[in-house]
């Protein structure tokens, strides 16, 4: 009868400490060999938590299978960002190279639908697009068009995944420029949104929101500046949404 141990480990840095050591100890297998095999198979996931499964047979032989984080998590790691863009169509937060896309496609090989590495590379490019991450300075549709036209063919065929120190430095500089531009755009949107809210004081909240959306103000900024429901619905001098009838007292008559 086989026994199975499942755990989350840091890529390339598994140890005999908990949770693996205590789980593997009673099974009578060489823990050092198991750890070595895990680290070998997870080396590409350094800095990330990776799901692993160890199946131990009656003869004490074992197999190690490694799951992979979602493609989006791998893209964030390669791009050096903590999260994707809140408005990916307009706000680009990072740029990665074709080698990094190939690396992710190879890591996610078994989970992708494409029949070959070219198709899988294009799938990863599509995910980049949904996160506001450029590929070689291009949006996904343009990068995919280049793949279809034979661009990067040799790199994809060779499975090249490594970048030089100079290329990595250039990527970091590009990311800083993109983030500076993003902050500049956010600041301008915030100014516009505040001006709209001030000009529409007393208007229904939904009407103010519709105007902000019309101006393509990001939802994060809309939520920040949009007045609270009660405040937006209250009009100075109104009572229950209706003005008091002419000559009527605003206070109820005193009882006799």
Protein backbone atom coordinates (compact mmCIF):
# COMPACT_ATOMS: atom_id res chain seq x y z
CA UNK A 1 0.00 0.00 0.00
CA UNK A 2 1.37 3.42 -0.93
CA UNK A 3 1.50 6.35 1.45
CA UNK A 4 1.28 9.99 0.38
CA UNK A 5 2.67 13.15 1.91
CA UNK A 6 1.60 16.54 0.59
CA UNK A 7 3.10 19.87 1.62
CA UNK A 8 3.96 23.40 0.55
CA UNK A 9 7.67 24.18 0.29
CA UNK A 10 9.77 27.11 -0.84
CA UNK A 11 11.16 26.40 -4.28
CA UNK A 12 14.67 24.94 -4.11
CA UNK A 13 14.87 25.33 -0.32
CA UNK A 14 13.03 22.36 1.18
CA UNK A 15 14.56 21.01 4.40
CA UNK A 16 13.98 18.15 6.83
CA UNK A 17 12.41 20.62 9.26
CA UNK A 18 8.61 20.62 9.66
CA UNK A 19 6.41 19.97 7.83
CA UNK A 20 8.43 17.46 5.77
CA UNK A 21 10.73 15.87 8.34
CA UNK A 22 8.06 14.75 10.84
CA UNK A 23 5.82 13.54 8.02
CA UNK A 24 8.53 11.53 6.23
CA UNK A 25 10.34 10.14 9.31
CA UNK A 26 7.84 7.35 10.14
CA UNK A 27 7.84 6.12 6.53
CA UNK A 28 11.36 4.68 6.75
CA UNK A 29 12.77 6.33 3.64
CA UNK A 30 15.96 8.30 3.09
CA UNK A 31 14.78 11.81 3.91
CA UNK A 32 17.94 13.40 2.50
CA UNK A 33 17.29 11.83 -0.91
CA UNK A 34 13.70 13.00 -0.86
CA UNK A 35 14.70 16.57 0.04
CA UNK A 36 17.34 16.57 -2.69
CA UNK A 37 14.80 15.42 -5.28
CA UNK A 38 12.28 18.06 -4.17
CA UNK A 39 14.84 20.86 -4.39
CA UNK A 40 15.97 19.69 -7.80
CA UNK A 41 12.41 19.69 -9.14
CA UNK A 42 11.46 23.03 -7.55
CA UNK A 43 14.66 24.95 -8.34
CA UNK A 44 12.86 27.15 -10.90
CA UNK A 45 10.42 28.34 -8.23
CA UNK A 46 12.88 30.03 -5.90
CA UNK A 47 11.17 32.53 -3.64
CA UNK A 48 7.73 30.99 -4.20
CA UNK A 49 5.63 28.49 -2.27
CA UNK A 50 5.15 25.34 -4.33
CA UNK A 51 2.79 22.39 -3.72
CA UNK A 52 4.57 19.02 -3.71
CA UNK A 53 3.38 15.43 -3.32
CA UNK A 54 5.54 12.48 -2.26
CA UNK A 55 4.23 8.96 -2.87
CA UNK A 56 6.05 6.19 -0.97
CA UNK A 57 5.68 2.56 -2.04
CA UNK A 58 5.94 -0.58 0.12
CA UNK A 59 9.52 -1.16 -1.02
CA UNK A 60 10.42 2.36 0.24
CA UNK A 61 10.88 3.72 -3.27
CA UNK A 62 9.31 7.14 -3.77
CA UNK A 63 8.20 9.59 -6.42
CA UNK A 64 8.00 13.35 -6.10
CA UNK A 65 5.51 15.34 -8.13
CA UNK A 66 5.48 19.12 -8.14
CA UNK A 67 2.56 21.41 -8.77
CA UNK A 68 3.02 24.93 -10.05
CA UNK A 69 1.72 28.29 -8.86
CA UNK A 70 -0.81 30.03 -11.15
CA UNK A 71 0.61 31.64 -14.28
CA UNK A 72 -0.31 35.04 -12.82
CA UNK A 73 1.90 34.38 -9.77
CA UNK A 74 4.81 33.39 -12.01
CA UNK A 75 4.34 36.52 -14.11
CA UNK A 76 4.35 38.72 -11.00
CA UNK A 77 7.58 37.08 -9.86
CA UNK A 78 9.28 37.59 -13.23
CA UNK A 79 7.99 41.18 -13.45
CA UNK A 80 9.00 41.98 -9.87
CA UNK A 81 5.57 43.27 -8.86
CA UNK A 82 3.28 42.37 -5.97
CA UNK A 83 0.00 42.56 -7.88
CA UNK A 84 -1.41 43.09 -11.35
CA UNK A 85 -2.78 46.36 -12.68
CA UNK A 86 -6.18 47.49 -11.44
CA UNK A 87 -6.85 48.87 -14.92
CA UNK A 88 -4.81 46.65 -17.28
CA UNK A 89 -6.13 48.16 -20.50
CA UNK A 90 -4.81 51.61 -19.63
CA UNK A 91 -2.22 51.15 -16.87
CA UNK A 92 0.88 49.11 -17.62
CA UNK A 93 2.88 48.21 -14.54
CA UNK A 94 5.85 46.23 -15.87
CA UNK A 95 7.57 44.80 -18.92
CA UNK A 96 9.06 41.31 -19.30
CA UNK A 97 11.20 39.72 -22.00
CA UNK A 98 10.34 36.83 -24.29
CA UNK A 99 12.81 34.63 -22.37
CA UNK A 100 10.74 35.12 -19.22
CA UNK A 101 7.54 34.25 -21.07
CA UNK A 102 9.18 31.08 -22.39
CA UNK A 103 10.30 30.21 -18.85
CA UNK A 104 6.75 30.56 -17.49
CA UNK A 105 5.28 28.60 -20.42
CA UNK A 106 7.71 25.74 -19.72
CA UNK A 107 6.90 25.81 -16.00
CA UNK A 108 3.16 25.65 -16.72
CA UNK A 109 3.60 23.19 -19.59
CA UNK A 110 1.17 20.55 -18.32
CA UNK A 111 -1.52 23.08 -17.39
CA UNK A 112 -1.67 24.97 -20.69
CA UNK A 113 -3.94 24.12 -23.60
CA UNK A 114 -1.49 24.81 -26.43
CA UNK A 115 -0.18 21.88 -28.46
CA UNK A 116 3.37 23.24 -28.66
CA UNK A 117 5.64 25.78 -26.97
CA UNK A 118 4.70 28.51 -29.47
CA UNK A 119 1.01 28.22 -28.55
CA UNK A 120 1.79 28.06 -24.84
CA UNK A 121 3.95 31.17 -25.08
CA UNK A 122 1.00 33.01 -26.63
CA UNK A 123 -1.28 31.83 -23.79
CA UNK A 124 1.10 33.32 -21.23
CA UNK A 125 1.21 36.56 -23.24
CA UNK A 126 -2.58 36.73 -22.96
CA UNK A 127 -2.35 36.39 -19.18
CA UNK A 128 0.27 39.16 -19.12
CA UNK A 129 -2.17 41.41 -20.95
CA UNK A 130 -4.89 40.84 -18.34
CA UNK A 131 -2.43 41.94 -15.64
CA UNK A 132 -1.14 45.09 -17.33
CA UNK A 133 2.27 43.54 -18.06
CA UNK A 134 3.95 44.20 -21.40
CA UNK A 135 6.07 41.72 -23.34
CA UNK A 136 9.14 43.26 -24.98
CA UNK A 137 7.38 46.63 -24.62
CA UNK A 138 4.30 45.37 -26.48
CA UNK A 139 0.71 44.59 -25.57
CA UNK A 140 -0.29 40.94 -25.94
CA UNK A 141 -1.98 41.25 -29.35
CA UNK A 142 1.13 42.84 -30.84
CA UNK A 143 3.49 40.38 -29.16
CA UNK A 144 1.35 37.45 -30.35
CA UNK A 145 1.38 38.87 -33.88
CA UNK A 146 5.18 38.88 -33.75
CA UNK A 147 5.23 35.24 -32.64
CA UNK A 148 2.91 34.36 -35.52
CA UNK A 149 5.23 36.23 -37.89
CA UNK A 150 8.23 34.18 -36.76
CA UNK A 151 9.74 36.70 -34.34
CA UNK A 152 11.70 35.04 -31.49
CA UNK A 153 11.42 31.69 -33.31
CA UNK A 154 14.96 30.58 -32.46
CA UNK A 155 14.62 31.60 -28.81
CA UNK A 156 11.37 29.66 -28.47
CA UNK A 157 12.75 26.60 -30.26
CA UNK A 158 15.85 26.63 -28.06
CA UNK A 159 13.78 27.19 -24.92
CA UNK A 160 16.04 30.07 -23.86
CA UNK A 161 14.95 31.36 -20.47
CA UNK A 162 17.88 33.20 -18.95
CA UNK A 163 18.57 36.94 -19.06
CA UNK A 164 21.89 38.70 -18.72
CA UNK A 165 22.62 41.06 -15.83
CA UNK A 166 22.42 43.95 -18.30
CA UNK A 167 18.98 42.84 -19.55
CA UNK A 168 17.70 42.49 -15.98
CA UNK A 169 18.97 45.97 -15.13
CA UNK A 170 17.23 47.42 -18.17
CA UNK A 171 13.97 45.73 -17.17
CA UNK A 172 14.18 47.26 -13.70
CA UNK A 173 14.70 50.71 -15.19
CA UNK A 174 11.71 50.24 -17.51
CA UNK A 175 9.55 49.14 -14.58
CA UNK A 176 10.45 52.30 -12.66
CA UNK A 177 9.52 54.45 -15.66
CA UNK A 178 6.17 52.64 -16.06
CA UNK A 179 5.38 53.04 -12.36
CA UNK A 180 6.28 56.74 -12.45
CA UNK A 181 3.96 57.21 -15.42
CA UNK A 182 1.25 55.26 -13.60
CA UNK A 183 1.52 57.50 -10.53
CA UNK A 184 1.33 60.57 -12.75
CA UNK A 185 -1.84 59.25 -14.41
CA UNK A 186 -3.40 58.43 -11.04
CA UNK A 187 -2.68 61.94 -9.76
CA UNK A 188 -4.34 63.47 -12.81
CA UNK A 189 -7.37 61.18 -12.51
CA UNK A 190 -7.69 62.14 -8.83
CA UNK A 191 -7.72 65.85 -9.70
CA UNK A 192 -10.35 65.26 -12.40
CA UNK A 193 -12.50 63.13 -10.10
CA UNK A 194 -12.48 65.70 -7.29
CA UNK A 195 -13.43 68.46 -9.73
CA UNK A 196 -16.38 66.40 -10.99
CA UNK A 197 -17.60 65.63 -7.45
CA UNK A 198 -17.36 69.30 -6.45
CA UNK A 199 -19.25 70.42 -9.56
CA UNK A 200 -22.03 67.88 -8.92
CA UNK A 201 -22.70 68.50 -5.22
CA UNK A 202 -26.30 67.52 -4.44
CA UNK A 203 -26.62 65.28 -7.51
CA UNK A 204 -27.57 61.60 -7.07
CA UNK A 205 -24.61 59.40 -6.25
CA UNK A 206 -25.28 57.17 -9.26
CA UNK A 207 -25.22 60.18 -11.58
CA UNK A 208 -21.84 61.30 -10.21
CA UNK A 209 -20.44 57.78 -10.61
CA UNK A 210 -21.73 57.56 -14.18
CA UNK A 211 -19.95 60.80 -15.05
CA UNK A 212 -16.69 59.57 -13.53
CA UNK A 213 -16.94 56.30 -15.46
CA UNK A 214 -17.64 58.26 -18.63
CA UNK A 215 -14.32 60.06 -18.06
CA UNK A 216 -12.63 56.63 -17.62
CA UNK A 217 -11.63 57.33 -14.02
CA UNK A 218 -10.42 54.04 -12.43
CA UNK A 219 -12.80 52.43 -9.93
CA UNK A 220 -10.22 52.64 -7.13
CA UNK A 221 -10.24 56.43 -7.43
CA UNK A 222 -14.02 56.61 -7.89
CA UNK A 223 -14.48 54.71 -4.61
CA UNK A 224 -12.07 57.10 -2.93
CA UNK A 225 -13.79 60.35 -3.96
CA UNK A 226 -17.44 59.34 -4.35
CA UNK A 227 -19.55 60.81 -1.53
CA UNK A 228 -21.26 58.46 0.88
CA UNK A 229 -24.80 57.40 -0.04
CA UNK A 230 -26.51 59.51 2.61
CA UNK A 231 -24.38 62.56 1.95
CA UNK A 232 -25.00 62.39 -1.80
CA UNK A 233 -28.74 62.01 -1.35
CA UNK A 234 -29.12 64.88 1.09
CA UNK A 235 -29.96 68.26 -0.38
CA UNK A 236 -29.70 71.26 1.95
CA UNK A 237 -33.20 72.43 3.00
CA UNK A 238 -34.85 69.13 1.99
CA UNK A 239 -36.99 67.09 4.33
CA UNK A 240 -37.27 63.43 3.43
CA UNK A 241 -36.35 64.38 -0.12
CA UNK A 242 -39.29 66.83 -0.42
CA UNK A 243 -39.43 70.56 0.28
CA UNK A 244 -41.98 71.57 2.94
CA UNK A 245 -45.26 72.94 1.60
CA UNK A 246 -45.60 76.72 1.44
CA UNK A 247 -46.50 78.17 4.82
CA UNK A 248 -46.04 74.86 6.59
CA UNK A 249 -44.01 74.74 9.76
CA UNK A 250 -40.88 72.66 9.74
CA UNK A 251 -41.75 71.48 13.27
CA UNK A 252 -44.88 69.58 14.30
CA UNK A 253 -47.49 71.63 16.13
CA UNK A 254 -47.32 71.39 19.89
CA UNK A 255 -50.02 69.31 21.54
CA UNK A 256 -52.66 71.21 23.48
